[in-house]
Amino acid sequence: MNPPLFHPGQAVVCTNDDFTVLLAQNPAIQTPKRGPIYLVRGLFDTARGYGLTLAEINNAGVAPGFPEANFHESRFAVLPDVEELSLAELLEESVTA
């Protein structure tokens, strides 16, 4: 199996927040939304790759006796470090927008 795309403590954003199937199984599960920045709390090695738990969402008590609900890493993208962003590019974008 490939190594995980993310690591605990890393900032990520959700790119796919359609959790229809998961919520049909258990509507009490809290799920990530597009837009906010989340921090990876933990990784689960699953049959389909790696699942993430997030610092801002805690589903540990939602289904007692089962592992905490986690979200497949393919639903997330890494947030670039602030140093990678060019201040000139950001200013140009804000002026032309």
Protein backbone atom coordinates (compact mmCIF):
# COMPACT_ATOMS: atom_id res chain seq x y z
CA MET A 1 0.00 0.00 0.00
CA ASN A 2 1.14 3.54 -0.69
CA PRO A 3 2.09 5.76 2.25
CA PRO A 4 -0.60 8.15 3.53
CA LEU A 5 -0.97 11.49 1.77
CA PHE A 6 -1.24 13.37 5.07
CA HIS A 7 0.16 13.26 8.61
CA PRO A 8 -1.23 14.20 12.04
CA GLY A 9 -1.13 17.94 12.64
CA GLN A 10 -1.26 18.79 8.94
CA ALA A 11 -3.76 21.40 7.70
CA VAL A 12 -6.18 20.14 5.03
CA VAL A 13 -9.35 21.25 3.27
CA CYS A 14 -12.25 19.02 2.29
CA THR A 15 -12.75 18.80 -1.47
CA ASN A 16 -15.65 16.31 -1.49
CA ASP A 17 -18.26 16.71 1.23
CA ASP A 18 -20.90 14.34 -0.17
CA PHE A 19 -21.29 11.89 2.72
CA THR A 20 -24.78 10.72 1.74
CA VAL A 21 -24.01 7.00 2.18
CA LEU A 22 -22.22 7.46 5.51
CA LEU A 23 -25.03 9.64 6.88
CA ALA A 24 -27.64 7.11 5.72
CA GLN A 25 -25.84 4.51 7.85
CA ASN A 26 -25.67 6.81 10.89
CA PRO A 27 -27.18 10.32 10.70
CA ALA A 28 -25.52 11.30 14.02
CA ILE A 29 -22.05 11.35 12.45
CA GLN A 30 -20.50 14.80 12.09
CA THR A 31 -18.87 15.25 8.68
CA PRO A 32 -16.44 17.82 7.27
CA LYS A 33 -17.65 20.54 4.92
CA ARG A 34 -16.00 22.27 1.99
CA GLY A 35 -14.32 25.51 2.94
CA PRO A 36 -13.04 25.28 6.52
CA ILE A 37 -9.47 24.34 7.31
CA TYR A 38 -9.13 21.13 9.35
CA LEU A 39 -6.18 19.60 11.18
CA VAL A 40 -5.50 15.88 10.78
CA ARG A 41 -5.84 14.27 14.22
CA GLY A 42 -5.17 10.66 13.25
CA LEU A 43 -4.87 8.11 10.43
CA PHE A 44 -6.67 4.79 10.01
CA ASP A 45 -5.20 2.13 7.75
CA THR A 46 -8.24 0.69 5.96
CA ALA A 47 -8.78 -1.82 3.15
CA ARG A 48 -9.32 1.08 0.71
CA GLY A 49 -6.45 3.31 1.80
CA TYR A 50 -6.15 5.73 4.67
CA GLY A 51 -8.94 7.39 6.59
CA LEU A 52 -8.50 10.63 8.50
CA THR A 53 -9.89 11.81 11.79
CA LEU A 54 -9.94 15.56 12.25
CA ALA A 55 -9.19 17.67 15.33
CA GLU A 56 -12.35 19.73 14.80
CA ILE A 57 -14.69 16.72 14.52
CA ASN A 58 -15.05 14.05 17.18
CA ASN A 59 -17.25 11.05 16.38
CA ALA A 60 -15.77 8.76 19.06
CA GLY A 61 -19.04 8.35 20.97
CA VAL A 62 -21.39 8.16 17.99
CA ALA A 63 -21.26 4.37 17.55
CA PRO A 64 -20.05 2.72 20.78
CA GLY A 65 -18.13 -0.48 20.16
CA PHE A 66 -17.06 0.56 16.66
CA PRO A 67 -14.02 2.53 15.49
CA GLU A 68 -14.52 6.27 15.18
CA ALA A 69 -15.90 7.36 11.81
CA ASN A 70 -13.05 8.50 9.57
CA PHE A 71 -12.95 10.09 6.15
CA HIS A 72 -11.00 8.79 3.14
CA GLU A 73 -7.91 10.83 2.36
CA SER A 74 -9.00 11.27 -1.28
CA ARG A 75 -11.66 13.71 -0.03
CA PHE A 76 -9.01 16.20 1.13
CA ALA A 77 -6.27 18.43 -0.24
CA VAL A 78 -3.24 19.77 1.55
CA LEU A 79 -3.23 23.42 2.48
CA PRO A 80 -0.05 25.10 1.20
CA ASP A 81 2.30 26.62 3.75
CA VAL A 82 1.99 30.40 4.06
CA GLU A 83 5.56 30.76 2.80
CA GLU A 84 4.51 29.14 -0.49
CA LEU A 85 1.99 31.87 -1.19
CA SER A 86 3.29 34.90 -3.02
CA LEU A 87 2.11 38.13 -1.44
CA ALA A 88 2.42 39.88 -4.81
CA GLU A 89 0.16 37.28 -6.45
CA LEU A 90 -2.42 37.59 -3.67
CA LEU A 91 -2.44 41.39 -3.97
CA GLU A 92 -2.74 41.18 -7.75
CA GLU A 93 -5.69 38.81 -7.44
CA SER A 94 -7.47 41.08 -4.95
CA VAL A 95 -6.97 44.15 -7.15
CA THR A 96 -8.16 42.47 -10.36
CA ALA A 97 -11.13 40.70 -8.73
